[in-house]
Amino acid sequence: MIVVDLSRLAFAKKGDIAHGGLLKNISASGLAIKFIYPLGKVENPFEKGDVVEVEIDEIGSLKGTVVRTSDNSIAIKLDIDSKGEDELIARIMEASSLLVMDAVA
């Protein structure tokens, strides 16, 4: 399995609760987000087993289940079928190509 390190803005949502952060890494089966709290410490509202929707710049919207939490991050196992995995891999590769192009420019 390929895991890609992309620094992209990501929002994790559970009901009316949404927290923003940076995408730490992503693969076809899961992802990790490190939260950013610009105005100080905020409690991580997510718990293991929470069903969440994640919105990621240049990737789109994904759904999954929280499998690990810390004070400032969560790891999510994606709810995705094999066709969806192929589409996600294509979006990840496109976003990582943009990252390389941005670094060169």
C-alpha atoms as a PDB file:
ATOM      1  CA  MET A   1       0.000   0.000   0.000  1.00  0.00           C
ATOM      2  CA  ILE A   2       1.248   3.451  -0.904  1.00  0.00           C
ATOM      3  CA  VAL A   3       0.972   6.192   1.733  1.00  0.00           C
ATOM      4  CA  VAL A   4       1.433   9.743   0.464  1.00  0.00           C
ATOM      5  CA  ASP A   5       2.525  12.665   2.642  1.00  0.00           C
ATOM      6  CA  LEU A   6       0.436  15.625   1.436  1.00  0.00           C
ATOM      7  CA  SER A   7       0.226  18.917   3.284  1.00  0.00           C
ATOM      8  CA  ARG A   8      -3.329  19.899   2.427  1.00  0.00           C
ATOM      9  CA  LEU A   9      -5.994  21.684   4.414  1.00  0.00           C
ATOM     10  CA  ALA A  10      -8.524  19.170   5.774  1.00  0.00           C
ATOM     11  CA  PHE A  11     -11.735  19.460   7.781  1.00  0.00           C
ATOM     12  CA  ALA A  12     -13.153  16.573   9.814  1.00  0.00           C
ATOM     13  CA  LYS A  13     -16.900  16.812  10.483  1.00  0.00           C
ATOM     14  CA  LYS A  14     -19.101  14.926  12.932  1.00  0.00           C
ATOM     15  CA  GLY A  15     -22.652  16.266  12.911  1.00  0.00           C
ATOM     16  CA  ASP A  16     -22.403  20.019  13.554  1.00  0.00           C
ATOM     17  CA  ILE A  17     -18.812  19.759  14.814  1.00  0.00           C
ATOM     18  CA  ALA A  18     -15.996  20.530  12.351  1.00  0.00           C
ATOM     19  CA  HIS A  19     -12.293  20.899  13.050  1.00  0.00           C
ATOM     20  CA  GLY A  20      -9.643  22.000  10.574  1.00  0.00           C
ATOM     21  CA  GLY A  21      -6.085  20.859  10.273  1.00  0.00           C
ATOM     22  CA  LEU A  22      -3.393  19.571   7.975  1.00  0.00           C
ATOM     23  CA  LEU A  23      -3.552  16.244   6.229  1.00  0.00           C
ATOM     24  CA  LYS A  24      -0.568  14.299   7.582  1.00  0.00           C
ATOM     25  CA  ASN A  25      -0.854  11.356   5.196  1.00  0.00           C
ATOM     26  CA  ILE A  26      -3.354   9.540   3.037  1.00  0.00           C
ATOM     27  CA  SER A  27      -3.707   6.154   1.340  1.00  0.00           C
ATOM     28  CA  ALA A  28      -6.566   4.337  -0.365  1.00  0.00           C
ATOM     29  CA  SER A  29      -7.636   2.889   2.986  1.00  0.00           C
ATOM     30  CA  GLY A  30      -7.168   5.757   5.450  1.00  0.00           C
ATOM     31  CA  LEU A  31      -5.747   9.108   6.433  1.00  0.00           C
ATOM     32  CA  ALA A  32      -4.479  11.146   9.368  1.00  0.00           C
ATOM     33  CA  ILE A  33      -5.179  14.780  10.227  1.00  0.00           C
ATOM     34  CA  LYS A  34      -3.234  16.978  12.641  1.00  0.00           C
ATOM     35  CA  PHE A  35      -5.495  19.707  13.995  1.00  0.00           C
ATOM     36  CA  ILE A  36      -4.518  23.360  14.024  1.00  0.00           C
ATOM     37  CA  TYR A  37      -5.783  25.532  16.862  1.00  0.00           C
ATOM     38  CA  PRO A  38      -4.721  29.117  16.014  1.00  0.00           C
ATOM     39  CA  LEU A  39      -6.459  30.643  19.030  1.00  0.00           C
ATOM     40  CA  GLY A  40      -5.060  28.262  21.609  1.00  0.00           C
ATOM     41  CA  LYS A  41      -5.738  24.792  22.912  1.00  0.00           C
ATOM     42  CA  VAL A  42      -9.082  23.246  21.999  1.00  0.00           C
ATOM     43  CA  GLU A  43     -10.225  19.805  23.094  1.00  0.00           C
ATOM     44  CA  ASN A  44     -10.320  17.139  20.376  1.00  0.00           C
ATOM     45  CA  PRO A  45     -14.037  16.235  20.145  1.00  0.00           C
ATOM     46  CA  PHE A  46     -13.526  13.029  18.144  1.00  0.00           C
ATOM     47  CA  GLU A  47     -13.521   9.556  19.675  1.00  0.00           C
ATOM     48  CA  LYS A  48     -12.585   6.134  18.368  1.00  0.00           C
ATOM     49  CA  GLY A  49     -15.583   4.750  16.467  1.00  0.00           C
ATOM     50  CA  ASP A  50     -17.003   8.133  15.403  1.00  0.00           C
ATOM     51  CA  VAL A  51     -18.296   8.223  11.831  1.00  0.00           C
ATOM     52  CA  VAL A  52     -16.927  11.350  10.138  1.00  0.00           C
ATOM     53  CA  GLU A  53     -16.872  13.157   6.834  1.00  0.00           C
ATOM     54  CA  VAL A  54     -13.576  14.684   5.748  1.00  0.00           C
ATOM     55  CA  GLU A  55     -13.174  17.497   3.228  1.00  0.00           C
ATOM     56  CA  ILE A  56      -9.647  17.804   1.794  1.00  0.00           C
ATOM     57  CA  ASP A  57      -8.363  20.503  -0.557  1.00  0.00           C
ATOM     58  CA  GLU A  58      -7.735  19.081  -4.058  1.00  0.00           C
ATOM     59  CA  ILE A  59      -9.014  15.617  -2.998  1.00  0.00           C
ATOM     60  CA  GLY A  60     -12.680  16.180  -2.110  1.00  0.00           C
ATOM     61  CA  SER A  61     -15.080  14.662   0.392  1.00  0.00           C
ATOM     62  CA  LEU A  62     -14.504  11.246   2.009  1.00  0.00           C
ATOM     63  CA  LYS A  63     -16.311   9.286   4.717  1.00  0.00           C
ATOM     64  CA  GLY A  64     -14.813   7.015   7.327  1.00  0.00           C
ATOM     65  CA  THR A  65     -14.507   5.921  10.929  1.00  0.00           C
ATOM     66  CA  VAL A  66     -12.082   7.274  13.525  1.00  0.00           C
ATOM     67  CA  VAL A  67      -9.676   4.482  14.527  1.00  0.00           C
ATOM     68  CA  ARG A  68      -7.192   6.486  16.639  1.00  0.00           C
ATOM     69  CA  THR A  69      -7.147   9.843  18.416  1.00  0.00           C
ATOM     70  CA  SER A  70      -4.664  12.010  20.288  1.00  0.00           C
ATOM     71  CA  ASP A  71      -4.861  15.507  21.767  1.00  0.00           C
ATOM     72  CA  ASN A  72      -4.272  17.089  18.366  1.00  0.00           C
ATOM     73  CA  SER A  73      -4.890  14.449  15.697  1.00  0.00           C
ATOM     74  CA  ILE A  74      -7.097  11.649  14.399  1.00  0.00           C
ATOM     75  CA  ALA A  75      -6.601   8.652  12.124  1.00  0.00           C
ATOM     76  CA  ILE A  76      -9.514   7.554   9.953  1.00  0.00           C
ATOM     77  CA  LYS A  77     -10.237   4.281   8.166  1.00  0.00           C
ATOM     78  CA  LEU A  78     -12.074   5.167   4.977  1.00  0.00           C
ATOM     79  CA  ASP A  79     -15.404   3.591   4.034  1.00  0.00           C
ATOM     80  CA  ILE A  80     -14.646   2.977   0.374  1.00  0.00           C
ATOM     81  CA  ASP A  81     -15.081   0.181  -2.160  1.00  0.00           C
ATOM     82  CA  SER A  82     -12.451  -0.993  -4.673  1.00  0.00           C
ATOM     83  CA  LYS A  83     -13.757   1.308  -7.438  1.00  0.00           C
ATOM     84  CA  GLY A  84     -13.695   4.217  -5.011  1.00  0.00           C
ATOM     85  CA  GLU A  85     -10.135   3.262  -3.982  1.00  0.00           C
ATOM     86  CA  ASP A  86      -8.997   3.489  -7.621  1.00  0.00           C
ATOM     87  CA  GLU A  87     -10.629   6.902  -8.001  1.00  0.00           C
ATOM     88  CA  LEU A  88      -9.097   8.109  -4.737  1.00  0.00           C
ATOM     89  CA  ILE A  89      -5.625   6.915  -5.751  1.00  0.00           C
ATOM     90  CA  ALA A  90      -5.978   8.910  -8.988  1.00  0.00           C
ATOM     91  CA  ARG A  91      -6.985  12.046  -7.008  1.00  0.00           C
ATOM     92  CA  ILE A  92      -4.086  11.528  -4.567  1.00  0.00           C
ATOM     93  CA  MET A  93      -1.592  11.151  -7.419  1.00  0.00           C
ATOM     94  CA  GLU A  94      -2.956  14.257  -9.125  1.00  0.00           C
ATOM     95  CA  ALA A  95      -2.691  16.266  -5.876  1.00  0.00           C
ATOM     96  CA  SER A  96       0.856  14.981  -5.259  1.00  0.00           C
ATOM     97  CA  SER A  97       1.805  15.969  -8.819  1.00  0.00           C
ATOM     98  CA  LEU A  98       0.535  19.461  -8.085  1.00  0.00           C
ATOM     99  CA  LEU A  99       2.697  19.453  -4.936  1.00  0.00           C
ATOM    100  CA  VAL A 100       5.791  18.599  -6.983  1.00  0.00           C
ATOM    101  CA  MET A 101       4.893  21.222  -9.578  1.00  0.00           C
ATOM    102  CA  ASP A 102       4.412  23.838  -6.824  1.00  0.00           C
ATOM    103  CA  ALA A 103       7.861  23.013  -5.413  1.00  0.00           C
ATOM    104  CA  VAL A 104       9.488  23.418  -8.829  1.00  0.00           C
ATOM    105  CA  ALA A 105       7.721  26.677  -9.725  1.00  0.00           C
END
